[in-house]
Amino acid sequence: MSAIVQQLIIYGLTQDGHRFRPSDWADRLAGVLSPFRPAGVAGDPLTYSPYALPTLIDGVRCVVVDQRLRELEPLAWKFAYEFARDNHLKTNEWPAEEPPVER
């Protein structure tokens, strides 16, 4: 049985409903967080961390940031959280049965 994983979803929509620009913001944010990986997991420099994945939710670009990033590197979690706050982006926190899977 998997442990419940808390995730922060950062939506590419501002609090007033506008699309966030540039359009590749999710890829850029996930790219900045790509070095932070589970212990023993090597990754190609062109892959994302399993703890911060860009995705599409209901047609909106998002980044799903796994709570385990906070445990691994608190400053990286703070960076993602403050990025959302500073840019007035909508966010949501929710539990998931399984950790995000790199696609």
PDB file of N, CA and C in Angstrom:
ATOM      1  N   MET A   1       0.841  -1.182   0.000  1.00  0.00           N
ATOM      2  CA  MET A   1       0.000   0.000   0.000  1.00  0.00           C
ATOM      3  C   MET A   1       0.882   1.239   0.000  1.00  0.00           C
ATOM      4  N   SER A   2       0.572   2.192  -0.847  1.00  0.00           N
ATOM      5  CA  SER A   2       1.371   3.414  -0.956  1.00  0.00           C
ATOM      6  C   SER A   2       0.977   4.406   0.121  1.00  0.00           C
ATOM      7  N   ALA A   3       1.943   5.177   0.565  1.00  0.00           N
ATOM      8  CA  ALA A   3       1.660   6.251   1.498  1.00  0.00           C
ATOM      9  C   ALA A   3       0.973   7.387   0.748  1.00  0.00           C
ATOM     10  N   ILE A   4       0.164   8.137   1.466  1.00  0.00           N
ATOM     11  CA  ILE A   4      -0.488   9.290   0.849  1.00  0.00           C
ATOM     12  C   ILE A   4       0.578  10.344   0.583  1.00  0.00           C
ATOM     13  N   VAL A   5       0.591  10.862  -0.621  1.00  0.00           N
ATOM     14  CA  VAL A   5       1.569  11.864  -1.028  1.00  0.00           C
ATOM     15  C   VAL A   5       0.844  13.185  -1.226  1.00  0.00           C
ATOM     16  N   GLN A   6       1.286  14.216  -0.581  1.00  0.00           N
ATOM     17  CA  GLN A   6       0.699  15.536  -0.748  1.00  0.00           C
ATOM     18  C   GLN A   6       1.379  16.218  -1.920  1.00  0.00           C
ATOM     19  N   GLN A   7       0.605  16.861  -2.753  1.00  0.00           N
ATOM     20  CA  GLN A   7       1.155  17.536  -3.914  1.00  0.00           C
ATOM     21  C   GLN A   7       0.650  18.972  -3.980  1.00  0.00           C
ATOM     22  N   LEU A   8       1.521  19.836  -4.446  1.00  0.00           N
ATOM     23  CA  LEU A   8       1.155  21.217  -4.725  1.00  0.00           C
ATOM     24  C   LEU A   8       1.004  21.325  -6.232  1.00  0.00           C
ATOM     25  N   ILE A   9      -0.172  21.765  -6.671  1.00  0.00           N
ATOM     26  CA  ILE A   9      -0.395  21.980  -8.096  1.00  0.00           C
ATOM     27  C   ILE A   9      -0.355  23.477  -8.336  1.00  0.00           C
ATOM     28  N   ILE A  10       0.533  23.887  -9.238  1.00  0.00           N
ATOM     29  CA  ILE A  10       0.640  25.293  -9.626  1.00  0.00           C
ATOM     30  C   ILE A  10       0.021  25.404 -11.016  1.00  0.00           C
ATOM     31  N   TYR A  11      -1.051  26.157 -11.115  1.00  0.00           N
ATOM     32  CA  TYR A  11      -1.770  26.317 -12.379  1.00  0.00           C
ATOM     33  C   TYR A  11      -1.226  27.507 -13.161  1.00  0.00           C
ATOM     34  N   GLY A  12      -1.285  27.420 -14.457  1.00  0.00           N
ATOM     35  CA  GLY A  12      -0.858  28.508 -15.326  1.00  0.00           C
ATOM     36  C   GLY A  12      -1.950  29.541 -15.522  1.00  0.00           C
ATOM     37  N   LEU A  13      -2.671  29.824 -14.450  1.00  0.00           N
ATOM     38  CA  LEU A  13      -3.714  30.846 -14.442  1.00  0.00           C
ATOM     39  C   LEU A  13      -3.474  31.764 -13.256  1.00  0.00           C
ATOM     40  N   THR A  14      -3.582  33.059 -13.503  1.00  0.00           N
ATOM     41  CA  THR A  14      -3.432  34.009 -12.410  1.00  0.00           C
ATOM     42  C   THR A  14      -4.704  34.022 -11.572  1.00  0.00           C
ATOM     43  N   GLN A  15      -4.625  34.614 -10.412  1.00  0.00           N
ATOM     44  CA  GLN A  15      -5.782  34.698  -9.524  1.00  0.00           C
ATOM     45  C   GLN A  15      -6.974  35.389 -10.192  1.00  0.00           C
ATOM     46  N   ASP A  16      -6.705  36.288 -11.143  1.00  0.00           N
ATOM     47  CA  ASP A  16      -7.805  36.968 -11.837  1.00  0.00           C
ATOM     48  C   ASP A  16      -8.202  36.276 -13.143  1.00  0.00           C
ATOM     49  N   GLY A  17      -7.694  35.040 -13.352  1.00  0.00           N
ATOM     50  CA  GLY A  17      -8.152  34.218 -14.456  1.00  0.00           C
ATOM     51  C   GLY A  17      -7.411  34.335 -15.777  1.00  0.00           C
ATOM     52  N   HIS A  18      -6.330  35.105 -15.830  1.00  0.00           N
ATOM     53  CA  HIS A  18      -5.559  35.235 -17.067  1.00  0.00           C
ATOM     54  C   HIS A  18      -4.541  34.102 -17.199  1.00  0.00           C
ATOM     55  N   ARG A  19      -4.268  33.710 -18.424  1.00  0.00           N
ATOM     56  CA  ARG A  19      -3.234  32.699 -18.676  1.00  0.00           C
ATOM     57  C   ARG A  19      -1.874  33.311 -18.354  1.00  0.00           C
ATOM     58  N   PHE A  20      -1.046  32.533 -17.698  1.00  0.00           N
ATOM     59  CA  PHE A  20       0.293  32.998 -17.343  1.00  0.00           C
ATOM     60  C   PHE A  20       1.216  32.856 -18.539  1.00  0.00           C
ATOM     61  N   ARG A  21       2.061  33.830 -18.753  1.00  0.00           N
ATOM     62  CA  ARG A  21       3.023  33.831 -19.847  1.00  0.00           C
ATOM     63  C   ARG A  21       4.429  33.915 -19.291  1.00  0.00           C
ATOM     64  N   PRO A  22       5.423  33.369 -19.961  1.00  0.00           N
ATOM     65  CA  PRO A  22       5.391  32.782 -21.298  1.00  0.00           C
ATOM     66  C   PRO A  22       4.714  31.412 -21.277  1.00  0.00           C
ATOM     67  N   SER A  23       4.326  30.950 -22.435  1.00  0.00           N
ATOM     68  CA  SER A  23       3.569  29.705 -22.521  1.00  0.00           C
ATOM     69  C   SER A  23       4.380  28.492 -22.076  1.00  0.00           C
ATOM     70  N   ASP A  24       5.696  28.571 -22.066  1.00  0.00           N
ATOM     71  CA  ASP A  24       6.523  27.441 -21.631  1.00  0.00           C
ATOM     72  C   ASP A  24       6.967  27.557 -20.165  1.00  0.00           C
ATOM     73  N   TRP A  25       6.258  28.358 -19.382  1.00  0.00           N
ATOM     74  CA  TRP A  25       6.644  28.584 -17.990  1.00  0.00           C
ATOM     75  C   TRP A  25       6.737  27.272 -17.204  1.00  0.00           C
ATOM     76  N   ALA A  26       5.817  26.327 -17.453  1.00  0.00           N
ATOM     77  CA  ALA A  26       5.797  25.074 -16.693  1.00  0.00           C
ATOM     78  C   ALA A  26       7.054  24.248 -16.967  1.00  0.00           C
ATOM     79  N   ASP A  27       7.458  24.218 -18.229  1.00  0.00           N
ATOM     80  CA  ASP A  27       8.680  23.488 -18.582  1.00  0.00           C
ATOM     81  C   ASP A  27       9.904  24.144 -17.951  1.00  0.00           C
ATOM     82  N   ARG A  28       9.914  25.454 -17.928  1.00  0.00           N
ATOM     83  CA  ARG A  28      11.046  26.177 -17.334  1.00  0.00           C
ATOM     84  C   ARG A  28      11.138  25.927 -15.833  1.00  0.00           C
ATOM     85  N   LEU A  29       9.988  26.025 -15.142  1.00  0.00           N
ATOM     86  CA  LEU A  29       9.987  25.800 -13.693  1.00  0.00           C
ATOM     87  C   LEU A  29      10.397  24.367 -13.373  1.00  0.00           C
ATOM     88  N   ALA A  30       9.825  23.404 -14.074  1.00  0.00           N
ATOM     89  CA  ALA A  30      10.194  22.006 -13.847  1.00  0.00           C
ATOM     90  C   ALA A  30      11.668  21.777 -14.187  1.00  0.00           C
ATOM     91  N   GLY A  31      12.176  22.483 -15.190  1.00  0.00           N
ATOM     92  CA  GLY A  31      13.590  22.369 -15.548  1.00  0.00           C
ATOM     93  C   GLY A  31      14.507  22.855 -14.446  1.00  0.00           C
ATOM     94  N   VAL A  32      14.125  23.949 -13.799  1.00  0.00           N
ATOM     95  CA  VAL A  32      14.922  24.477 -12.682  1.00  0.00           C
ATOM     96  C   VAL A  32      14.956  23.469 -11.535  1.00  0.00           C
ATOM     97  N   LEU A  33      13.861  22.739 -11.343  1.00  0.00           N
ATOM     98  CA  LEU A  33      13.763  21.787 -10.240  1.00  0.00           C
ATOM     99  C   LEU A  33      14.251  20.382 -10.616  1.00  0.00           C
ATOM    100  N   SER A  34      14.685  20.194 -11.857  1.00  0.00           N
ATOM    101  CA  SER A  34      15.058  18.859 -12.342  1.00  0.00           C
ATOM    102  C   SER A  34      16.241  18.209 -11.609  1.00  0.00           C
ATOM    103  N   PRO A  35      17.191  18.951 -11.040  1.00  0.00           N
ATOM    104  CA  PRO A  35      18.296  18.274 -10.342  1.00  0.00           C
ATOM    105  C   PRO A  35      17.884  17.559  -9.058  1.00  0.00           C
ATOM    106  N   PHE A  36      16.720  17.887  -8.514  1.00  0.00           N
ATOM    107  CA  PHE A  36      16.308  17.331  -7.230  1.00  0.00           C
ATOM    108  C   PHE A  36      15.541  16.033  -7.458  1.00  0.00           C
ATOM    109  N   ARG A  37      16.220  14.923  -7.132  1.00  0.00           N
ATOM    110  CA  ARG A  37      15.703  13.581  -7.408  1.00  0.00           C
ATOM    111  C   ARG A  37      15.857  12.715  -6.169  1.00  0.00           C
ATOM    112  N   PRO A  38      15.128  11.601  -6.131  1.00  0.00           N
ATOM    113  CA  PRO A  38      15.311  10.668  -5.006  1.00  0.00           C
ATOM    114  C   PRO A  38      16.746  10.151  -4.963  1.00  0.00           C
ATOM    115  N   ALA A  39      17.188   9.800  -3.787  1.00  0.00           N
ATOM    116  CA  ALA A  39      18.538   9.260  -3.621  1.00  0.00           C
ATOM    117  C   ALA A  39      18.728   8.042  -4.517  1.00  0.00           C
ATOM    118  N   GLY A  40      19.851   8.018  -5.208  1.00  0.00           N
ATOM    119  CA  GLY A  40      20.184   6.886  -6.059  1.00  0.00           C
ATOM    120  C   GLY A  40      19.550   6.903  -7.436  1.00  0.00           C
ATOM    121  N   VAL A  41      18.756   7.920  -7.721  1.00  0.00           N
ATOM    122  CA  VAL A  41      18.115   8.016  -9.038  1.00  0.00           C
ATOM    123  C   VAL A  41      18.893   9.007  -9.875  1.00  0.00           C
ATOM    124  N   ALA A  42      19.581   8.496 -10.859  1.00  0.00           N
ATOM    125  CA  ALA A  42      20.318   9.358 -11.773  1.00  0.00           C
ATOM    126  C   ALA A  42      19.378   9.727 -12.908  1.00  0.00           C
ATOM    127  N   GLY A  43      19.536  10.912 -13.388  1.00  0.00           N
ATOM    128  CA  GLY A  43      18.681  11.329 -14.484  1.00  0.00           C
ATOM    129  C   GLY A  43      19.484  11.999 -15.567  1.00  0.00           C
ATOM    130  N   ASP A  44      19.048  11.806 -16.757  1.00  0.00           N
ATOM    131  CA  ASP A  44      19.597  12.507 -17.899  1.00  0.00           C
ATOM    132  C   ASP A  44      19.361  13.998 -17.668  1.00  0.00           C
ATOM    133  N   PRO A  45      20.286  14.855 -18.058  1.00  0.00           N
ATOM    134  CA  PRO A  45      20.086  16.297 -17.854  1.00  0.00           C
ATOM    135  C   PRO A  45      18.833  16.831 -18.553  1.00  0.00           C
ATOM    136  N   LEU A  46      18.290  16.076 -19.477  1.00  0.00           N
ATOM    137  CA  LEU A  46      17.109  16.533 -20.207  1.00  0.00           C
ATOM    138  C   LEU A  46      15.817  15.930 -19.673  1.00  0.00           C
ATOM    139  N   THR A  47      15.837  15.355 -18.482  1.00  0.00           N
ATOM    140  CA  THR A  47      14.627  14.801 -17.889  1.00  0.00           C
ATOM    141  C   THR A  47      14.228  15.617 -16.660  1.00  0.00           C
ATOM    142  N   TYR A  48      12.950  15.537 -16.332  1.00  0.00           N
ATOM    143  CA  TYR A  48      12.438  16.239 -15.153  1.00  0.00           C
ATOM    144  C   TYR A  48      12.591  15.377 -13.915  1.00  0.00           C
ATOM    145  N   SER A  49      12.598  16.027 -12.784  1.00  0.00           N
ATOM    146  CA  SER A  49      12.572  15.319 -11.517  1.00  0.00           C
ATOM    147  C   SER A  49      11.189  14.694 -11.349  1.00  0.00           C
ATOM    148  N   PRO A  50      11.109  13.524 -10.738  1.00  0.00           N
ATOM    149  CA  PRO A  50       9.783  12.967 -10.464  1.00  0.00           C
ATOM    150  C   PRO A  50       9.037  13.778  -9.406  1.00  0.00           C
ATOM    151  N   TYR A  51       9.724  14.740  -8.791  1.00  0.00           N
ATOM    152  CA  TYR A  51       9.106  15.583  -7.774  1.00  0.00           C
ATOM    153  C   TYR A  51       8.538  16.894  -8.311  1.00  0.00           C
ATOM    154  N   ALA A  52       8.754  17.192  -9.582  1.00  0.00           N
ATOM    155  CA  ALA A  52       8.221  18.427 -10.176  1.00  0.00           C
ATOM    156  C   ALA A  52       7.996  18.182 -11.666  1.00  0.00           C
ATOM    157  N   LEU A  53       6.742  17.923 -12.015  1.00  0.00           N
ATOM    158  CA  LEU A  53       6.433  17.551 -13.391  1.00  0.00           C
ATOM    159  C   LEU A  53       5.453  18.521 -14.039  1.00  0.00           C
ATOM    160  N   PRO A  54       5.787  18.988 -15.233  1.00  0.00           N
ATOM    161  CA  PRO A  54       4.818  19.811 -15.965  1.00  0.00           C
ATOM    162  C   PRO A  54       3.725  18.891 -16.525  1.00  0.00           C
ATOM    163  N   THR A  55       2.518  19.375 -16.551  1.00  0.00           N
ATOM    164  CA  THR A  55       1.398  18.586 -17.063  1.00  0.00           C
ATOM    165  C   THR A  55       0.285  19.525 -17.525  1.00  0.00           C
ATOM    166  N   LEU A  56      -0.741  18.936 -18.104  1.00  0.00           N
ATOM    167  CA  LEU A  56      -1.920  19.676 -18.541  1.00  0.00           C
ATOM    168  C   LEU A  56      -3.097  19.177 -17.714  1.00  0.00           C
ATOM    169  N   ILE A  57      -3.809  20.081 -17.091  1.00  0.00           N
ATOM    170  CA  ILE A  57      -5.019  19.745 -16.349  1.00  0.00           C
ATOM    171  C   ILE A  57      -6.143  20.603 -16.896  1.00  0.00           C
ATOM    172  N   ASP A  58      -7.137  19.959 -17.458  1.00  0.00           N
ATOM    173  CA  ASP A  58      -8.273  20.654 -18.067  1.00  0.00           C
ATOM    174  C   ASP A  58      -7.821  21.729 -19.055  1.00  0.00           C
ATOM    175  N   GLY A  59      -6.792  21.408 -19.840  1.00  0.00           N
ATOM    176  CA  GLY A  59      -6.304  22.321 -20.858  1.00  0.00           C
ATOM    177  C   GLY A  59      -5.423  23.448 -20.346  1.00  0.00           C
ATOM    178  N   VAL A  60      -5.077  23.420 -19.075  1.00  0.00           N
ATOM    179  CA  VAL A  60      -4.248  24.472 -18.459  1.00  0.00           C
ATOM    180  C   VAL A  60      -2.895  23.878 -18.105  1.00  0.00           C
ATOM    181  N   ARG A  61      -1.806  24.542 -18.509  1.00  0.00           N
ATOM    182  CA  ARG A  61      -0.452  24.113 -18.149  1.00  0.00           C
ATOM    183  C   ARG A  61      -0.292  24.236 -16.637  1.00  0.00           C
ATOM    184  N   CYS A  62       0.280  23.215 -16.036  1.00  0.00           N
ATOM    185  CA  CYS A  62       0.472  23.164 -14.587  1.00  0.00           C
ATOM    186  C   CYS A  62       1.814  22.515 -14.285  1.00  0.00           C
ATOM    187  N   VAL A  63       2.253  22.687 -13.054  1.00  0.00           N
ATOM    188  CA  VAL A  63       3.379  21.931 -12.530  1.00  0.00           C
ATOM    189  C   VAL A  63       2.896  21.281 -11.242  1.00  0.00           C
ATOM    190  N   VAL A  64       3.092  19.971 -11.157  1.00  0.00           N
ATOM    191  CA  VAL A  64       2.743  19.224  -9.948  1.00  0.00           C
ATOM    192  C   VAL A  64       4.041  19.023  -9.168  1.00  0.00           C
ATOM    193  N   VAL A  65       4.075  19.596  -7.966  1.00  0.00           N
ATOM    194  CA  VAL A  65       5.267  19.518  -7.118  1.00  0.00           C
ATOM    195  C   VAL A  65       4.956  18.590  -5.948  1.00  0.00           C
ATOM    196  N   ASP A  66       5.708  17.535  -5.849  1.00  0.00           N
ATOM    197  CA  ASP A  66       5.506  16.519  -4.829  1.00  0.00           C
ATOM    198  C   ASP A  66       6.046  17.008  -3.489  1.00  0.00           C
ATOM    199  N   GLN A  67       5.321  16.700  -2.423  1.00  0.00           N
ATOM    200  CA  GLN A  67       5.711  17.085  -1.063  1.00  0.00           C
ATOM    201  C   GLN A  67       7.102  16.576  -0.694  1.00  0.00           C
ATOM    202  N   ARG A  68       7.525  15.465  -1.288  1.00  0.00           N
ATOM    203  CA  ARG A  68       8.837  14.905  -0.950  1.00  0.00           C
ATOM    204  C   ARG A  68       9.976  15.834  -1.362  1.00  0.00           C
ATOM    205  N   LEU A  69       9.723  16.769  -2.272  1.00  0.00           N
ATOM    206  CA  LEU A  69      10.744  17.767  -2.620  1.00  0.00           C
ATOM    207  C   LEU A  69      11.059  18.615  -1.393  1.00  0.00           C
ATOM    208  N   ARG A  70      10.044  18.934  -0.603  1.00  0.00           N
ATOM    209  CA  ARG A  70      10.245  19.737   0.611  1.00  0.00           C
ATOM    210  C   ARG A  70      11.183  19.022   1.574  1.00  0.00           C
ATOM    211  N   GLU A  71      11.043  17.709   1.684  1.00  0.00           N
ATOM    212  CA  GLU A  71      11.897  16.921   2.574  1.00  0.00           C
ATOM    213  C   GLU A  71      13.328  16.836   2.030  1.00  0.00           C
ATOM    214  N   LEU A  72      13.444  16.684   0.713  1.00  0.00           N
ATOM    215  CA  LEU A  72      14.754  16.556   0.082  1.00  0.00           C
ATOM    216  C   LEU A  72      15.512  17.874   0.071  1.00  0.00           C
ATOM    217  N   GLU A  73      14.834  18.945  -0.353  1.00  0.00           N
ATOM    218  CA  GLU A  73      15.476  20.253  -0.471  1.00  0.00           C
ATOM    219  C   GLU A  73      14.453  21.353  -0.185  1.00  0.00           C
ATOM    220  N   PRO A  74      14.348  21.773   1.078  1.00  0.00           N
ATOM    221  CA  PRO A  74      13.357  22.774   1.461  1.00  0.00           C
ATOM    222  C   PRO A  74      13.431  24.077   0.654  1.00  0.00           C
ATOM    223  N   LEU A  75      14.630  24.485   0.251  1.00  0.00           N
ATOM    224  CA  LEU A  75      14.745  25.724  -0.523  1.00  0.00           C
ATOM    225  C   LEU A  75      14.158  25.573  -1.927  1.00  0.00           C
ATOM    226  N   ALA A  76      14.232  24.399  -2.504  1.00  0.00           N
ATOM    227  CA  ALA A  76      13.630  24.167  -3.820  1.00  0.00           C
ATOM    228  C   ALA A  76      12.107  24.238  -3.706  1.00  0.00           C
ATOM    229  N   TRP A  77      11.552  23.634  -2.648  1.00  0.00           N
ATOM    230  CA  TRP A  77      10.104  23.711  -2.406  1.00  0.00           C
ATOM    231  C   TRP A  77       9.690  25.171  -2.212  1.00  0.00           C
ATOM    232  N   LYS A  78      10.458  25.882  -1.410  1.00  0.00           N
ATOM    233  CA  LYS A  78      10.151  27.289  -1.150  1.00  0.00           C
ATOM    234  C   LYS A  78      10.199  28.086  -2.449  1.00  0.00           C
ATOM    235  N   PHE A  79      11.167  27.803  -3.306  1.00  0.00           N
ATOM    236  CA  PHE A  79      11.276  28.489  -4.593  1.00  0.00           C
ATOM    237  C   PHE A  79      10.012  28.276  -5.424  1.00  0.00           C
ATOM    238  N   ALA A  80       9.545  27.037  -5.523  1.00  0.00           N
ATOM    239  CA  ALA A  80       8.343  26.736  -6.307  1.00  0.00           C
ATOM    240  C   ALA A  80       7.124  27.416  -5.702  1.00  0.00           C
ATOM    241  N   TYR A  81       6.987  27.327  -4.399  1.00  0.00           N
ATOM    242  CA  TYR A  81       5.851  27.944  -3.712  1.00  0.00           C
ATOM    243  C   TYR A  81       5.850  29.465  -3.888  1.00  0.00           C
ATOM    244  N   GLU A  82       7.008  30.082  -3.710  1.00  0.00           N
ATOM    245  CA  GLU A  82       7.098  31.536  -3.855  1.00  0.00           C
ATOM    246  C   GLU A  82       6.962  31.979  -5.302  1.00  0.00           C
ATOM    247  N   PHE A  83       7.377  31.151  -6.250  1.00  0.00           N
ATOM    248  CA  PHE A  83       7.154  31.446  -7.665  1.00  0.00           C
ATOM    249  C   PHE A  83       5.655  31.603  -7.916  1.00  0.00           C
ATOM    250  N   ALA A  84       4.883  30.666  -7.409  1.00  0.00           N
ATOM    251  CA  ALA A  84       3.427  30.729  -7.575  1.00  0.00           C
ATOM    252  C   ALA A  84       2.860  31.970  -6.882  1.00  0.00           C
ATOM    253  N   ARG A  85       3.287  32.203  -5.667  1.00  0.00           N
ATOM    254  CA  ARG A  85       2.775  33.351  -4.910  1.00  0.00           C
ATOM    255  C   ARG A  85       3.157  34.677  -5.566  1.00  0.00           C
ATOM    256  N   ASP A  86       4.423  34.823  -5.930  1.00  0.00           N
ATOM    257  CA  ASP A  86       4.899  36.078  -6.509  1.00  0.00           C
ATOM    258  C   ASP A  86       4.240  36.402  -7.841  1.00  0.00           C
ATOM    259  N   ASN A  87       3.847  35.358  -8.592  1.00  0.00           N
ATOM    260  CA  ASN A  87       3.211  35.561  -9.892  1.00  0.00           C
ATOM    261  C   ASN A  87       1.691  35.476  -9.824  1.00  0.00           C
ATOM    262  N   HIS A  88       1.166  35.424  -8.596  1.00  0.00           N
ATOM    263  CA  HIS A  88      -0.286  35.402  -8.356  1.00  0.00           C
ATOM    264  C   HIS A  88      -0.977  34.256  -9.092  1.00  0.00           C
ATOM    265  N   LEU A  89      -0.325  33.075  -9.071  1.00  0.00           N
ATOM    266  CA  LEU A  89      -0.875  31.913  -9.763  1.00  0.00           C
ATOM    267  C   LEU A  89      -1.788  31.121  -8.834  1.00  0.00           C
ATOM    268  N   LYS A  90      -2.798  30.522  -9.429  1.00  0.00           N
ATOM    269  CA  LYS A  90      -3.692  29.661  -8.659  1.00  0.00           C
ATOM    270  C   LYS A  90      -2.931  28.396  -8.277  1.00  0.00           C
ATOM    271  N   THR A  91      -3.206  27.921  -7.082  1.00  0.00           N
ATOM    272  CA  THR A  91      -2.581  26.691  -6.598  1.00  0.00           C
ATOM    273  C   THR A  91      -3.644  25.830  -5.921  1.00  0.00           C
ATOM    274  N   ASN A  92      -3.289  24.590  -5.737  1.00  0.00           N
ATOM    275  CA  ASN A  92      -4.155  23.660  -5.026  1.00  0.00           C
ATOM    276  C   ASN A  92      -3.257  22.597  -4.410  1.00  0.00           C
ATOM    277  N   GLU A  93      -3.603  22.145  -3.228  1.00  0.00           N
ATOM    278  CA  GLU A  93      -2.882  21.043  -2.606  1.00  0.00           C
ATOM    279  C   GLU A  93      -3.837  19.885  -2.481  1.00  0.00           C
ATOM    280  N   TRP A  94      -3.335  18.698  -2.784  1.00  0.00           N
ATOM    281  CA  TRP A  94      -4.197  17.523  -2.670  1.00  0.00           C
ATOM    282  C   TRP A  94      -3.378  16.267  -2.450  1.00  0.00           C
ATOM    283  N   PRO A  95      -3.998  15.306  -1.811  1.00  0.00           N
ATOM    284  CA  PRO A  95      -3.319  14.013  -1.642  1.00  0.00           C
ATOM    285  C   PRO A  95      -3.536  13.149  -2.875  1.00  0.00           C
ATOM    286  N   ALA A  96      -2.592  12.294  -3.130  1.00  0.00           N
ATOM    287  CA  ALA A  96      -2.709  11.343  -4.231  1.00  0.00           C
ATOM    288  C   ALA A  96      -2.251   9.986  -3.728  1.00  0.00           C
ATOM    289  N   GLU A  97      -2.869   8.940  -4.210  1.00  0.00           N
ATOM    290  CA  GLU A  97      -2.521   7.592  -3.766  1.00  0.00           C
ATOM    291  C   GLU A  97      -1.129   7.185  -4.252  1.00  0.00           C
ATOM    292  N   GLU A  98      -0.744   7.625  -5.426  1.00  0.00           N
ATOM    293  CA  GLU A  98       0.544   7.241  -6.013  1.00  0.00           C
ATOM    294  C   GLU A  98       1.355   8.489  -6.290  1.00  0.00           C
ATOM    295  N   PRO A  99       2.683   8.415  -6.207  1.00  0.00           N
ATOM    296  CA  PRO A  99       3.510   9.564  -6.577  1.00  0.00           C
ATOM    297  C   PRO A  99       3.404   9.820  -8.080  1.00  0.00           C
ATOM    298  N   PRO A 100       3.686  11.050  -8.516  1.00  0.00           N
ATOM    299  CA  PRO A 100       3.620  11.339  -9.947  1.00  0.00           C
ATOM    300  C   PRO A 100       4.626  10.470 -10.715  1.00  0.00           C
ATOM    301  N   VAL A 101       4.270  10.151 -11.920  1.00  0.00           N
ATOM    302  CA  VAL A 101       5.103   9.318 -12.760  1.00  0.00           C
ATOM    303  C   VAL A 101       5.657  10.171 -13.885  1.00  0.00           C
ATOM    304  N   GLU A 102       6.964  10.089 -14.119  1.00  0.00           N
ATOM    305  CA  GLU A 102       7.578  10.843 -15.198  1.00  0.00           C
ATOM    306  C   GLU A 102       7.058  10.333 -16.535  1.00  0.00           C
ATOM    307  N   ARG A 103       6.678  11.285 -17.416  1.00  0.00           N
ATOM    308  CA  ARG A 103       6.134  10.924 -18.725  1.00  0.00           C
ATOM    309  C   ARG A 103       7.005  11.425 -19.824  1.00  0.00           C
TER     310      ARG A 103
END
